[in-house]
Every structure is written in structure tokens, then in C-alpha cells.
Amino acid sequence: PDLTGYEKFGLGNVKYNISRIHVTAVEFPSASISLIPGTGIKLVIGNASLTIDMNWNIRTWMFRDSGRSTVYISKVFVTAIFSTPLDNAGHTLISLTSCRTTSGDIEIKLNGKS
């Protein structure tokens, strides 16, 4: 979904709109799944990266600008634990029990008229 809002900075507000958000690349160079007896499943993703392209538009009382942006997020690490209980009919349910995510680097390239 698009992101729209405003932030207060100094003497005025900055109104922004981020639209046409597209994930254009995802890499999982290191991923593993293991079983945890009596608990469920552990998913570990290491050193992942993703690239996101989007349009942006900002407006203040002094100026306005718009353009395209590329965001590259790297060194992403995710650890997730899923519980796998059985329902009354004996079917396996999957529920996220915990999730921890960290990212190391974020690079943002803005291309605009100014």
C-alpha cells in the first residue's frame, strides 16, 4: 500500500507520499529450517538482502519535489519460531511464536527534479 503523511520539521510540516512500492529483488544466501522437539519449527535466514523501488513526492510551504527511489537493505538476519500443534480433527496448525529481525545496512538513492 501507499504511504502518506506529514512530519513536523522546524518552521513547518513536510507532507509526503510514497507510492508504487515494488520489491524488485530478494536474496536468501543462507537459510535453514530445523525441527524443535515438542515445540515446532525454527527458521533462520542469514545475510539476506532486498531491493525496493518506489515513487516519492514531498511538499512543504517552500518547495515541492518528486521522483523515484531505490532502497537496498542488506545484512538482514531473521530467526522465527513456529509452533505446530494439532487441532481437534488432528490437522497440524502453524502459528508464529516468536520472530527476531535485524538489518545491517540500508542504502537509499533518491532521484528527483531538485
Protein backbone atom coordinates (compact mmCIF):
# COMPACT_ATOMS: atom_id res chain seq x y z
CA PRO A 1 0.00 0.00 0.00
CA ASP A 2 0.98 3.64 -0.47
CA LEU A 3 2.37 5.61 2.47
CA THR A 4 1.07 9.14 3.02
CA GLY A 5 1.54 11.50 5.94
CA TYR A 6 3.32 14.51 7.30
CA GLU A 7 6.12 15.28 9.73
CA LYS A 8 6.85 18.49 11.64
CA PHE A 9 10.28 19.96 10.95
CA GLY A 10 11.36 23.35 12.31
CA LEU A 11 9.13 26.04 10.84
CA GLY A 12 6.61 23.83 9.06
CA ASN A 13 5.27 20.49 8.02
CA VAL A 14 6.62 18.20 5.36
CA LYS A 15 3.87 16.32 3.57
CA TYR A 16 4.98 13.11 1.86
CA ASN A 17 3.59 10.38 -0.34
CA ILE A 18 5.37 7.13 -1.22
CA SER A 19 3.64 5.11 -3.91
CA ARG A 20 4.11 2.24 -6.38
CA ILE A 21 6.24 0.31 -3.89
CA HIS A 22 7.70 -2.79 -5.56
CA VAL A 23 10.10 -5.36 -4.17
CA THR A 24 12.34 -5.99 -7.18
CA ALA A 25 14.90 -8.42 -5.73
CA VAL A 26 15.21 -10.73 -2.72
CA GLU A 27 18.21 -12.90 -1.89
CA PHE A 28 18.47 -15.59 0.81
CA PRO A 29 22.08 -16.80 0.57
CA SER A 30 21.83 -18.64 3.88
CA ALA A 31 18.59 -20.21 5.12
CA SER A 32 17.86 -23.21 7.28
CA ILE A 33 14.86 -24.95 8.80
CA SER A 34 15.12 -27.24 11.79
CA LEU A 35 12.68 -29.11 14.00
CA ILE A 36 12.46 -28.27 17.70
CA PRO A 37 11.12 -31.32 19.56
CA GLY A 38 7.94 -30.55 21.47
CA THR A 39 7.77 -27.01 20.07
CA GLY A 40 7.71 -26.82 16.30
CA ILE A 41 9.91 -25.37 13.58
CA LYS A 42 12.81 -22.91 13.66
CA LEU A 43 13.57 -20.84 10.54
CA VAL A 44 16.88 -18.99 10.33
CA ILE A 45 17.72 -16.66 7.44
CA GLY A 46 21.18 -15.11 7.38
CA ASN A 47 22.70 -12.29 5.36
CA ALA A 48 19.59 -11.73 3.24
CA SER A 49 19.05 -8.63 1.11
CA LEU A 50 16.24 -6.95 -0.75
CA THR A 51 15.78 -4.12 -3.19
CA ILE A 52 12.67 -1.92 -3.23
CA ASP A 53 11.73 0.64 -5.91
CA MET A 54 9.15 3.37 -5.32
CA ASN A 55 7.87 6.79 -6.34
CA TRP A 56 8.06 9.62 -3.81
CA ASN A 57 6.63 13.11 -3.50
CA ILE A 58 7.27 15.73 -0.80
CA ARG A 59 5.77 19.17 -0.29
CA THR A 60 6.50 21.98 2.16
CA TRP A 61 5.46 25.61 2.28
CA MET A 62 8.76 26.47 0.49
CA PHE A 63 9.14 23.80 -2.19
CA ARG A 64 7.91 20.53 -3.64
CA ASP A 65 9.75 17.69 -5.31
CA SER A 66 9.08 14.19 -6.57
CA GLY A 67 10.91 11.32 -8.20
CA ARG A 68 11.92 7.67 -7.99
CA SER A 69 13.80 5.95 -5.22
CA THR A 70 15.63 2.67 -4.76
CA VAL A 71 16.18 1.24 -1.30
CA TYR A 72 18.70 -1.56 -0.82
CA ILE A 73 18.60 -3.36 2.53
CA SER A 74 21.39 -5.84 3.26
CA LYS A 75 22.76 -7.95 6.10
CA VAL A 76 19.24 -8.94 7.13
CA PHE A 77 19.01 -11.71 9.73
CA VAL A 78 15.72 -13.39 10.70
CA THR A 79 15.04 -16.04 13.33
CA ALA A 80 11.45 -17.26 13.58
CA ILE A 81 9.92 -19.99 15.74
CA PHE A 82 6.65 -21.60 14.66
CA SER A 83 4.56 -23.81 16.93
CA THR A 84 2.83 -26.75 15.26
CA PRO A 85 0.01 -28.04 17.48
CA LEU A 86 -2.77 -30.30 16.25
CA ASP A 87 -6.39 -29.14 16.11
CA ASN A 88 -9.34 -31.27 17.33
CA ALA A 89 -9.52 -33.05 13.97
CA GLY A 90 -5.83 -33.96 14.07
CA HIS A 91 -4.73 -31.39 11.46
CA THR A 92 -1.49 -29.50 12.02
CA LEU A 93 -1.80 -25.81 12.75
CA ILE A 94 1.09 -23.38 12.25
CA SER A 95 1.43 -20.33 14.46
CA LEU A 96 4.28 -17.81 14.71
CA THR A 97 5.56 -17.93 18.29
CA SER A 98 8.49 -15.52 18.05
CA CYS A 99 10.36 -13.55 15.41
CA ARG A 100 13.54 -11.50 15.59
CA THR A 101 14.86 -9.46 12.69
CA THR A 102 17.91 -7.23 12.35
CA SER A 103 19.31 -5.36 9.37
CA GLY A 104 22.83 -4.10 8.95
CA ASP A 105 22.89 -1.65 6.06
CA ILE A 106 20.29 0.48 4.31
CA GLU A 107 21.20 2.43 1.18
CA ILE A 108 18.69 4.92 -0.25
CA LYS A 109 19.05 6.51 -3.68
CA LEU A 110 16.72 9.42 -4.42
CA ASN A 111 16.24 10.65 -7.98
CA GLY A 112 14.23 13.82 -8.24
CA LYS A 113 13.88 17.10 -10.04
CA SER A 114 15.88 19.04 -7.45
